[in-house]
N, C-alpha and C. Protein backbone atom coordinates (compact mmCIF):
# COMPACT_ATOMS: atom_id res chain seq x y z
N UNK A 1 34.62 -34.26 28.40
CA UNK A 1 33.58 -33.60 29.20
C UNK A 1 32.89 -35.03 29.64
N UNK A 2 32.45 -35.21 31.00
CA UNK A 2 31.72 -36.26 31.18
C UNK A 2 30.29 -35.53 31.85
N UNK A 3 29.13 -36.19 31.46
CA UNK A 3 27.85 -36.13 32.08
C UNK A 3 27.21 -37.10 32.56
N UNK A 4 27.10 -37.31 33.91
CA UNK A 4 26.60 -38.62 34.18
C UNK A 4 25.10 -38.23 34.64
N UNK A 5 23.90 -39.01 34.29
CA UNK A 5 22.69 -38.96 34.20
C UNK A 5 21.94 -40.30 34.33
N UNK A 6 21.06 -40.37 35.65
CA UNK A 6 20.22 -41.36 35.56
C UNK A 6 19.08 -41.88 34.70
N UNK A 7 18.36 -42.85 34.69
CA UNK A 7 17.58 -42.89 33.91
C UNK A 7 16.28 -41.94 33.74
N UNK A 8 15.75 -41.44 34.98
CA UNK A 8 14.73 -40.87 35.09
C UNK A 8 15.03 -39.54 34.67
N UNK A 9 16.13 -39.02 34.94
CA UNK A 9 16.85 -37.63 34.12
C UNK A 9 16.82 -37.48 32.68
N UNK A 10 17.42 -38.86 32.36
CA UNK A 10 17.29 -39.05 30.68
C UNK A 10 16.07 -39.12 30.27
N UNK A 11 15.08 -39.68 30.60
CA UNK A 11 13.54 -39.30 30.22
C UNK A 11 13.09 -38.37 30.25
N UNK A 12 13.26 -37.49 31.35
CA UNK A 12 12.67 -36.23 31.57
C UNK A 12 13.38 -35.48 30.33
N UNK A 13 14.56 -35.38 30.20
CA UNK A 13 15.26 -34.64 29.24
C UNK A 13 14.62 -34.97 27.69
N UNK A 14 14.43 -36.20 27.57
CA UNK A 14 13.63 -36.25 26.18
C UNK A 14 12.43 -35.74 26.12
N UNK A 15 11.31 -36.02 27.36
CA UNK A 15 10.33 -35.34 27.10
C UNK A 15 10.17 -33.95 26.87
N UNK A 16 11.31 -33.30 27.36
CA UNK A 16 11.34 -31.56 27.45
C UNK A 16 11.45 -31.37 25.84
N UNK A 17 12.28 -32.29 25.37
CA UNK A 17 13.02 -32.28 23.93
C UNK A 17 11.66 -32.57 23.26
N UNK A 18 10.99 -33.38 23.29
CA UNK A 18 9.75 -33.76 22.57
C UNK A 18 8.42 -32.89 22.87
N UNK A 19 8.86 -31.92 24.04
CA UNK A 19 7.81 -31.08 24.38
C UNK A 19 6.63 -31.72 24.80
N UNK A 20 6.75 -32.86 25.39
CA UNK A 20 5.85 -33.25 26.77
C UNK A 20 5.86 -32.96 28.08
N UNK A 21 4.76 -32.83 28.71
CA UNK A 21 4.63 -32.78 30.07
C UNK A 21 5.81 -31.92 30.55
N UNK A 22 5.94 -30.84 29.93
CA UNK A 22 7.23 -29.77 30.71
C UNK A 22 6.91 -29.31 32.14
N UNK A 23 5.54 -28.72 32.38
CA UNK A 23 5.32 -28.35 33.34
C UNK A 23 5.33 -29.09 34.55
N UNK A 24 5.10 -30.15 34.26
CA UNK A 24 4.63 -31.12 35.38
C UNK A 24 6.38 -31.82 35.95
N UNK A 25 7.34 -31.40 35.27
CA UNK A 25 8.89 -31.87 35.48
C UNK A 25 9.38 -30.93 36.08
N UNK A 26 9.03 -29.35 36.72
CA UNK A 26 9.91 -28.19 36.80
C UNK A 26 11.08 -28.70 37.67
N UNK A 27 11.00 -29.04 38.81
CA UNK A 27 11.95 -29.57 39.78
C UNK A 27 13.07 -30.21 39.04
N UNK A 28 12.60 -31.37 38.41
CA UNK A 28 13.67 -32.08 37.37
C UNK A 28 14.40 -31.14 36.24
N UNK A 29 13.69 -30.37 35.62
CA UNK A 29 14.45 -29.72 34.70
C UNK A 29 15.37 -28.69 35.51
N UNK A 30 15.08 -28.01 36.74
CA UNK A 30 16.10 -27.51 37.60
C UNK A 30 17.43 -28.03 37.70
N UNK A 31 17.01 -29.47 38.17
CA UNK A 31 17.84 -30.17 38.45
C UNK A 31 19.04 -30.46 37.22
N UNK A 32 18.71 -30.78 36.23
CA UNK A 32 19.20 -31.40 34.75
C UNK A 32 19.88 -30.19 34.53
N UNK A 33 19.25 -28.48 34.26
CA UNK A 33 19.90 -27.64 34.13
C UNK A 33 21.23 -27.30 34.73
N UNK A 34 21.11 -27.57 36.09
CA UNK A 34 22.20 -27.68 36.92
C UNK A 34 23.41 -28.23 36.42
N UNK A 35 23.20 -29.68 36.18
CA UNK A 35 23.80 -30.78 35.80
C UNK A 35 24.69 -30.37 34.51
N UNK A 36 23.90 -29.60 33.41
CA UNK A 36 24.00 -29.26 32.40
C UNK A 36 25.17 -28.24 32.46
N UNK A 37 24.90 -27.11 33.22
CA UNK A 37 25.58 -26.00 33.50
C UNK A 37 27.12 -26.42 34.21
N UNK A 38 26.95 -27.31 34.89
CA UNK A 38 28.04 -27.89 35.75
C UNK A 38 29.16 -28.64 34.87
N UNK A 39 28.69 -29.28 34.03
CA UNK A 39 29.21 -30.12 32.87
C UNK A 39 30.04 -29.17 31.71
N UNK A 40 29.41 -28.08 31.68
CA UNK A 40 30.10 -27.21 30.76
C UNK A 40 30.86 -26.26 31.17
N UNK A 41 31.27 -26.24 32.57
CA UNK A 41 32.53 -25.61 33.44
C UNK A 41 33.66 -26.36 33.46
N UNK A 42 34.77 -25.69 32.91
CA UNK A 42 36.06 -26.97 33.05
C UNK A 42 36.61 -26.71 34.36
N UNK A 43 37.24 -27.85 34.73
CA UNK A 43 37.55 -28.26 36.16
C UNK A 43 38.67 -27.32 36.13
N UNK A 44 38.93 -26.44 37.54
CA UNK A 44 40.29 -25.89 37.54
C UNK A 44 41.44 -26.69 37.47
N UNK A 45 42.77 -26.21 37.09
CA UNK A 45 43.69 -26.91 37.34
C UNK A 45 44.18 -27.42 38.68
N UNK A 46 43.96 -26.38 39.74
CA UNK A 46 44.06 -26.76 40.57
C UNK A 46 43.50 -27.88 41.69
N UNK A 47 42.29 -28.14 41.04
CA UNK A 47 41.48 -29.43 41.41
C UNK A 47 41.96 -30.47 40.64
N UNK A 48 42.39 -30.21 39.22
CA UNK A 48 42.84 -31.82 38.77
C UNK A 48 43.78 -32.09 39.22
N UNK A 49 45.11 -31.13 39.98
CA UNK A 49 46.09 -31.47 40.30
C UNK A 49 45.96 -32.27 41.76
N UNK A 50 45.04 -31.59 42.62
CA UNK A 50 44.42 -32.03 43.55
C UNK A 50 44.14 -33.58 43.85
N UNK A 51 43.32 -33.63 42.55
CA UNK A 51 42.72 -35.19 42.40
C UNK A 51 43.86 -36.16 42.17
N UNK A 52 44.86 -35.77 41.52
CA UNK A 52 46.08 -36.65 41.02
C UNK A 52 46.66 -36.80 42.38
N UNK A 53 47.00 -35.58 42.90
CA UNK A 53 47.78 -35.64 44.20
C UNK A 53 47.35 -36.55 45.33
N UNK A 54 45.83 -36.57 45.30
CA UNK A 54 45.28 -37.65 46.19
C UNK A 54 45.27 -38.81 45.81
N UNK A 55 44.98 -39.32 44.58
CA UNK A 55 45.30 -40.76 44.13
C UNK A 55 47.08 -41.03 44.71
N UNK A 56 47.78 -40.49 44.22
CA UNK A 56 49.18 -40.79 44.35
C UNK A 56 49.78 -40.94 45.80
N UNK A 57 49.20 -39.89 46.81
CA UNK A 57 49.42 -40.25 48.16
C UNK A 57 48.66 -41.53 48.63
N UNK A 58 47.46 -41.92 48.29
CA UNK A 58 46.63 -43.16 48.50
C UNK A 58 47.65 -44.26 48.04
N UNK A 59 48.20 -44.37 46.85
CA UNK A 59 49.04 -45.44 46.34
C UNK A 59 50.29 -45.69 47.40
N UNK A 60 50.81 -44.36 47.51
CA UNK A 60 51.90 -44.31 48.60
C UNK A 60 51.70 -45.13 49.87
N UNK A 61 50.52 -44.58 50.39
CA UNK A 61 50.17 -45.21 51.86
C UNK A 61 49.58 -46.81 51.88
N UNK A 62 49.17 -47.07 50.47
CA UNK A 62 48.91 -48.74 50.29
C UNK A 62 50.15 -49.17 50.21
N UNK A 63 51.09 -48.85 49.50
CA UNK A 63 52.41 -49.73 48.99
C UNK A 63 53.12 -49.50 50.35
N UNK A 64 53.04 -48.35 51.40
CA UNK A 64 53.81 -48.80 52.34
C UNK A 64 53.15 -49.41 53.70
N UNK A 65 51.78 -49.61 53.65
CA UNK A 65 51.24 -50.61 54.39
C UNK A 65 51.62 -52.01 54.00
N UNK A 66 51.43 -52.21 52.43
CA UNK A 66 51.95 -53.85 52.12
C UNK A 66 53.24 -53.99 52.55
N UNK A 67 54.34 -52.98 52.22
CA UNK A 67 55.45 -53.45 52.66
C UNK A 67 56.08 -53.43 53.82
N UNK A 68 54.96 -53.07 54.46
CA UNK A 68 55.11 -52.51 56.41
C UNK A 68 56.34 -51.36 56.32
N UNK A 69 56.36 -50.22 55.78
CA UNK A 69 57.47 -49.22 55.49
C UNK A 69 56.67 -48.01 55.71
N UNK A 70 57.36 -47.31 56.80
CA UNK A 70 56.58 -46.10 56.95
C UNK A 70 56.72 -45.10 55.88
N UNK A 71 55.62 -44.03 56.00
CA UNK A 71 55.39 -43.65 54.66
C UNK A 71 55.10 -41.77 55.36
N UNK A 72 55.99 -41.07 54.92
CA UNK A 72 55.57 -39.72 55.57
C UNK A 72 55.60 -38.82 54.56
N UNK A 73 55.05 -38.35 53.56
CA UNK A 73 54.75 -37.26 52.47
C UNK A 73 55.80 -36.17 52.77
N UNK A 74 55.59 -35.50 53.95
CA UNK A 74 56.52 -34.65 54.58
C UNK A 74 57.98 -34.75 54.39
N UNK A 75 58.48 -35.89 54.65
CA UNK A 75 59.67 -36.11 54.80
C UNK A 75 60.39 -36.36 53.33
N UNK A 76 61.15 -35.73 52.52
CA UNK A 76 61.80 -35.99 51.26
C UNK A 76 62.62 -36.98 51.22
N UNK A 77 63.27 -37.49 51.97
CA UNK A 77 63.98 -38.50 52.24
C UNK A 77 63.33 -39.95 52.50
N UNK A 78 62.14 -39.76 52.75
CA UNK A 78 61.16 -40.99 53.05
C UNK A 78 61.28 -42.14 51.98
N UNK A 79 61.49 -43.41 52.20
CA UNK A 79 61.66 -44.61 51.34
C UNK A 79 60.47 -44.72 50.24
N UNK A 80 59.28 -44.03 50.32
CA UNK A 80 58.07 -43.99 49.79
C UNK A 80 57.63 -42.42 49.48
N UNK A 81 57.81 -41.99 48.40
CA UNK A 81 57.29 -40.51 48.08
C UNK A 81 56.27 -40.32 47.03
N UNK A 82 55.34 -39.40 46.76
CA UNK A 82 54.67 -38.86 46.01
C UNK A 82 55.12 -37.69 45.39
N UNK A 83 55.71 -37.74 44.06
CA UNK A 83 56.33 -36.62 43.29
C UNK A 83 55.47 -35.57 43.26
N UNK A 84 55.88 -34.27 43.48
CA UNK A 84 55.13 -32.87 43.56
C UNK A 84 54.48 -33.05 42.28
N UNK A 85 53.42 -32.37 42.32
CA UNK A 85 52.59 -32.06 40.78
C UNK A 85 53.35 -31.29 39.84
N UNK A 86 53.33 -31.48 38.69
CA UNK A 86 54.01 -30.83 37.68
C UNK A 86 55.58 -31.22 37.27
N UNK A 87 56.32 -31.88 38.38
CA UNK A 87 57.39 -32.56 38.18
C UNK A 87 57.62 -33.77 37.24
N UNK A 88 58.81 -33.78 36.21
CA UNK A 88 59.08 -34.96 35.60
C UNK A 88 59.29 -36.09 36.23
N UNK A 89 59.17 -37.00 35.73
CA UNK A 89 59.73 -38.63 36.47
C UNK A 89 58.38 -39.23 36.94
N UNK A 90 58.77 -40.43 37.68
CA UNK A 90 57.58 -40.99 38.00
C UNK A 90 56.92 -40.76 39.23
N UNK A 91 55.84 -40.76 38.98
CA UNK A 91 54.65 -40.55 40.17
C UNK A 91 54.99 -40.74 41.51
N UNK A 92 55.42 -42.05 41.43
CA UNK A 92 55.75 -42.53 42.96
C UNK A 92 57.42 -43.10 43.16
N UNK A 93 57.99 -42.20 43.92
CA UNK A 93 59.25 -42.35 44.28
C UNK A 93 59.71 -43.47 45.23
N UNK A 94 60.09 -44.53 44.99
CA UNK A 94 60.75 -45.56 45.88
C UNK A 94 61.98 -45.64 46.10
N UNK A 95 62.75 -45.77 47.36
CA UNK A 95 63.86 -45.75 47.24
C UNK A 95 64.16 -46.79 48.37
N UNK A 96 65.55 -47.28 48.37
CA UNK A 96 65.52 -48.16 49.68
C UNK A 96 64.98 -49.58 49.65
N UNK A 97 64.83 -50.26 50.66
CA UNK A 97 63.72 -51.38 50.85
C UNK A 97 62.66 -51.43 50.06
N UNK A 98 61.82 -50.21 50.12
CA UNK A 98 60.76 -50.27 49.30
C UNK A 98 60.92 -50.39 47.97
N UNK A 99 61.95 -49.75 47.08
CA UNK A 99 62.41 -49.92 45.54
C UNK A 99 62.76 -51.48 45.42
N UNK A 100 63.67 -51.96 46.31
CA UNK A 100 64.18 -53.46 46.43
C UNK A 100 63.08 -54.18 46.40
N UNK A 101 61.78 -53.90 46.99
CA UNK A 101 60.73 -55.33 47.04
C UNK A 101 59.78 -54.46 46.00
N UNK A 102 59.57 -53.38 45.38
CA UNK A 102 58.83 -53.36 44.62
C UNK A 102 59.35 -51.83 43.58
N UNK A 103 59.98 -52.59 42.81
CA UNK A 103 60.69 -51.87 41.52
C UNK A 103 60.04 -51.53 40.48
N UNK A 104 59.15 -50.74 40.39
CA UNK A 104 58.23 -50.56 39.49
C UNK A 104 58.35 -49.00 39.04
N UNK A 105 57.97 -48.48 38.07
CA UNK A 105 57.86 -47.19 37.53
C UNK A 105 56.43 -47.17 37.45
N UNK A 106 55.95 -46.36 38.40
CA UNK A 106 54.44 -46.15 38.63
C UNK A 106 53.75 -44.55 38.00
N UNK A 107 52.84 -44.83 37.12
CA UNK A 107 51.99 -43.30 36.31
C UNK A 107 50.76 -43.65 37.01
N UNK A 108 50.23 -42.64 37.94
CA UNK A 108 49.17 -42.06 38.47
C UNK A 108 48.24 -41.48 37.62
N UNK A 109 46.96 -41.87 37.18
CA UNK A 109 46.05 -41.13 36.19
C UNK A 109 44.74 -41.08 36.98
N UNK A 110 44.40 -39.67 37.38
CA UNK A 110 42.77 -39.65 38.03
C UNK A 110 42.27 -38.93 36.99
N UNK A 111 41.25 -39.61 35.86
CA UNK A 111 40.67 -38.85 34.79
C UNK A 111 39.59 -39.74 34.65
N UNK A 112 38.64 -38.91 33.95
CA UNK A 112 37.25 -39.41 33.71
C UNK A 112 37.71 -40.18 32.14
N UNK A 113 38.84 -39.70 31.41
CA UNK A 113 38.88 -40.30 29.96
C UNK A 113 40.22 -40.40 29.87
N UNK A 114 40.56 -41.78 30.13
CA UNK A 114 41.68 -42.32 30.12
C UNK A 114 42.44 -42.55 28.51
N UNK A 115 43.79 -42.00 28.72
CA UNK A 115 44.12 -42.37 27.20
C UNK A 115 45.27 -43.27 27.18
N UNK A 116 44.99 -44.37 27.62
CA UNK A 116 45.76 -45.54 27.96
C UNK A 116 47.16 -45.91 27.52
N UNK A 117 47.24 -45.45 26.05
CA UNK A 117 48.50 -45.81 25.41
C UNK A 117 49.38 -44.57 25.79
N UNK A 118 48.98 -43.35 25.93
CA UNK A 118 49.60 -42.25 26.48
C UNK A 118 50.24 -42.63 28.02
N UNK A 119 49.57 -42.78 28.80
CA UNK A 119 49.61 -43.17 30.24
C UNK A 119 50.90 -44.24 30.08
N UNK A 120 50.66 -45.54 29.27
CA UNK A 120 51.84 -46.32 29.28
C UNK A 120 53.05 -45.98 28.53
N UNK A 121 52.72 -45.13 27.72
CA UNK A 121 54.13 -44.60 26.76
C UNK A 121 54.77 -43.91 28.10
N UNK A 122 54.15 -42.96 28.75
CA UNK A 122 54.84 -42.09 30.04
C UNK A 122 55.57 -42.88 31.06
N UNK A 123 54.83 -44.02 31.26
CA UNK A 123 55.31 -44.94 32.56
C UNK A 123 56.49 -45.36 31.89
N UNK A 124 56.60 -45.89 30.64
CA UNK A 124 57.75 -46.38 30.05
C UNK A 124 58.98 -45.53 29.88
N UNK A 125 58.59 -44.38 29.44
CA UNK A 125 59.60 -43.35 29.33
C UNK A 125 60.16 -43.02 30.54
N UNK A 126 59.53 -43.24 31.82
CA UNK A 126 60.03 -42.81 33.29
C UNK A 126 60.62 -43.94 33.85
N UNK A 127 60.79 -45.22 33.24
CA UNK A 127 61.64 -46.15 33.72
C UNK A 127 63.12 -45.98 33.70
N UNK A 128 63.79 -46.51 34.84
CA UNK A 128 65.31 -46.36 34.74
C UNK A 128 65.63 -47.88 34.67
N UNK A 129 66.91 -48.14 34.36
CA UNK A 129 67.57 -49.27 34.20
C UNK A 129 67.31 -50.30 34.88
N UNK A 130 66.92 -50.15 36.52
CA UNK A 130 66.78 -50.67 37.64
C UNK A 130 65.42 -51.14 37.78
N UNK A 131 64.37 -50.56 37.19
CA UNK A 131 62.81 -51.01 37.34
C UNK A 131 62.53 -52.03 36.63
N UNK A 132 61.91 -52.79 37.39
CA UNK A 132 61.53 -54.33 36.71
C UNK A 132 60.52 -53.97 35.72
N UNK A 133 59.68 -53.06 35.89
CA UNK A 133 58.58 -53.25 34.92
C UNK A 133 57.75 -51.93 35.10
N UNK A 134 56.79 -51.42 34.43
CA UNK A 134 55.78 -50.34 34.46
C UNK A 134 54.46 -50.70 35.15
N UNK A 135 53.63 -49.48 35.48
CA UNK A 135 52.34 -50.00 36.07
C UNK A 135 51.42 -48.47 35.73
N UNK A 136 50.43 -48.65 35.43
CA UNK A 136 49.38 -47.37 35.34
C UNK A 136 48.63 -47.76 36.12
N UNK A 137 48.32 -46.49 37.23
CA UNK A 137 47.17 -46.68 38.28
C UNK A 137 46.28 -45.71 38.04
N UNK A 138 44.78 -46.27 37.89
CA UNK A 138 44.39 -45.16 37.20
C UNK A 138 42.63 -45.45 38.20
N UNK A 139 42.19 -43.89 38.24
CA UNK A 139 40.91 -43.87 38.88
C UNK A 139 39.88 -42.55 37.92
N UNK A 140 38.84 -43.20 38.34
CA UNK A 140 37.79 -42.56 37.85
C UNK A 140 36.58 -42.04 38.92
N UNK A 141 36.05 -40.69 38.93
CA UNK A 141 35.18 -40.77 39.75
C UNK A 141 34.24 -41.50 40.02
N UNK A 142 34.00 -41.93 41.39
CA UNK A 142 33.17 -42.75 41.54
C UNK A 142 33.41 -44.39 41.14
N UNK A 143 34.59 -44.63 40.80
CA UNK A 143 35.05 -45.86 40.64
C UNK A 143 36.24 -46.16 41.69
N UNK A 144 36.33 -47.65 41.69
CA UNK A 144 37.33 -48.17 42.31
C UNK A 144 39.03 -47.93 41.73
N UNK A 145 40.02 -47.87 42.24
CA UNK A 145 41.30 -47.77 41.77
C UNK A 145 41.86 -48.94 40.97
N UNK A 146 42.16 -48.88 39.45
CA UNK A 146 42.70 -49.78 38.75
C UNK A 146 43.70 -50.08 38.51
N UNK A 147 44.53 -51.12 38.05
CA UNK A 147 46.16 -51.22 37.67
C UNK A 147 45.89 -51.59 36.45
N UNK A 148 46.85 -51.08 35.71
CA UNK A 148 46.95 -51.75 34.08
C UNK A 148 48.57 -52.39 34.26
N UNK A 149 48.93 -53.00 33.80
CA UNK A 149 50.34 -53.76 33.66
C UNK A 149 50.15 -54.99 32.71
N UNK A 150 51.53 -55.48 32.34
CA UNK A 150 51.25 -56.26 31.39
C UNK A 150 51.16 -57.77 31.86
N UNK A 151 50.52 -58.57 30.93
CA UNK A 151 49.94 -59.81 31.34
C UNK A 151 51.24 -60.71 32.14
N UNK A 152 52.30 -60.53 31.23
CA UNK A 152 53.55 -61.43 31.67
C UNK A 152 53.98 -60.77 32.92
N UNK A 153 54.17 -59.89 33.46
CA UNK A 153 54.21 -59.19 34.34
C UNK A 153 53.54 -59.53 35.74
N UNK A 154 52.18 -59.56 35.53
CA UNK A 154 51.14 -60.14 36.68
C UNK A 154 51.87 -61.53 36.83
N UNK A 155 51.86 -62.22 35.77
CA UNK A 155 51.95 -63.62 35.89
C UNK A 155 53.69 -63.83 36.97
N UNK A 156 54.38 -62.93 36.48
CA UNK A 156 56.06 -63.14 37.09
C UNK A 156 55.26 -62.71 38.67
N UNK A 157 54.64 -61.70 38.75
CA UNK A 157 54.46 -61.23 40.22
C UNK A 157 53.72 -62.46 41.07
N UNK A 158 52.96 -63.10 40.39
CA UNK A 158 52.03 -64.27 40.75
C UNK A 158 53.07 -65.50 41.32
N UNK A 159 54.16 -65.73 40.31
CA UNK A 159 55.23 -66.89 40.43
C UNK A 159 55.93 -66.35 41.52
N UNK A 160 56.20 -65.23 41.59
CA UNK A 160 57.17 -64.92 43.04
C UNK A 160 56.48 -65.13 44.27
N UNK A 161 55.27 -64.65 44.21
CA UNK A 161 54.44 -64.72 45.44
C UNK A 161 54.08 -65.94 45.71
N UNK A 162 53.76 -67.09 44.98
CA UNK A 162 53.35 -68.41 45.35
C UNK A 162 54.26 -69.50 45.25
N UNK A 163 55.51 -68.94 44.64
CA UNK A 163 56.65 -70.03 44.60
C UNK A 163 57.71 -69.87 45.52
N UNK A 164 58.03 -68.72 46.29
CA UNK A 164 58.81 -68.48 47.43
C UNK A 164 58.92 -69.41 48.30
């Protein structure tokens, strides 16, 4: 569970705990109370899957844009496809030219607390013999999308890009 509070809210909470100035902070108390109640509510499974689906589809769109290949999530035979939630295997399915140009086992995680070792293990487990390497794409609320891959693989990508 993650709770995001700004400095003013933390100071207010400390003031309340120390029983100082409680009445002067009534509006702030209500805001903090709502945040605390929201933090205690577990996120629905459907909401979690929706976040993950959104990240997977964004990655598909970005790969399609870079490779200049059409992406249509509704077309199951498309060269770039986001795997349906709950199915085993790679999160991003690449076929044909897309796979030839970007042969990676991609695991997407849209979570506040990433267990990187588990995500890497999952990405490696989903690799097939043709995959060049694995990568974990992860995103946290209100942050940029990040990618984790082995350093040697990044070097290899850079060599291919700048020495062709």
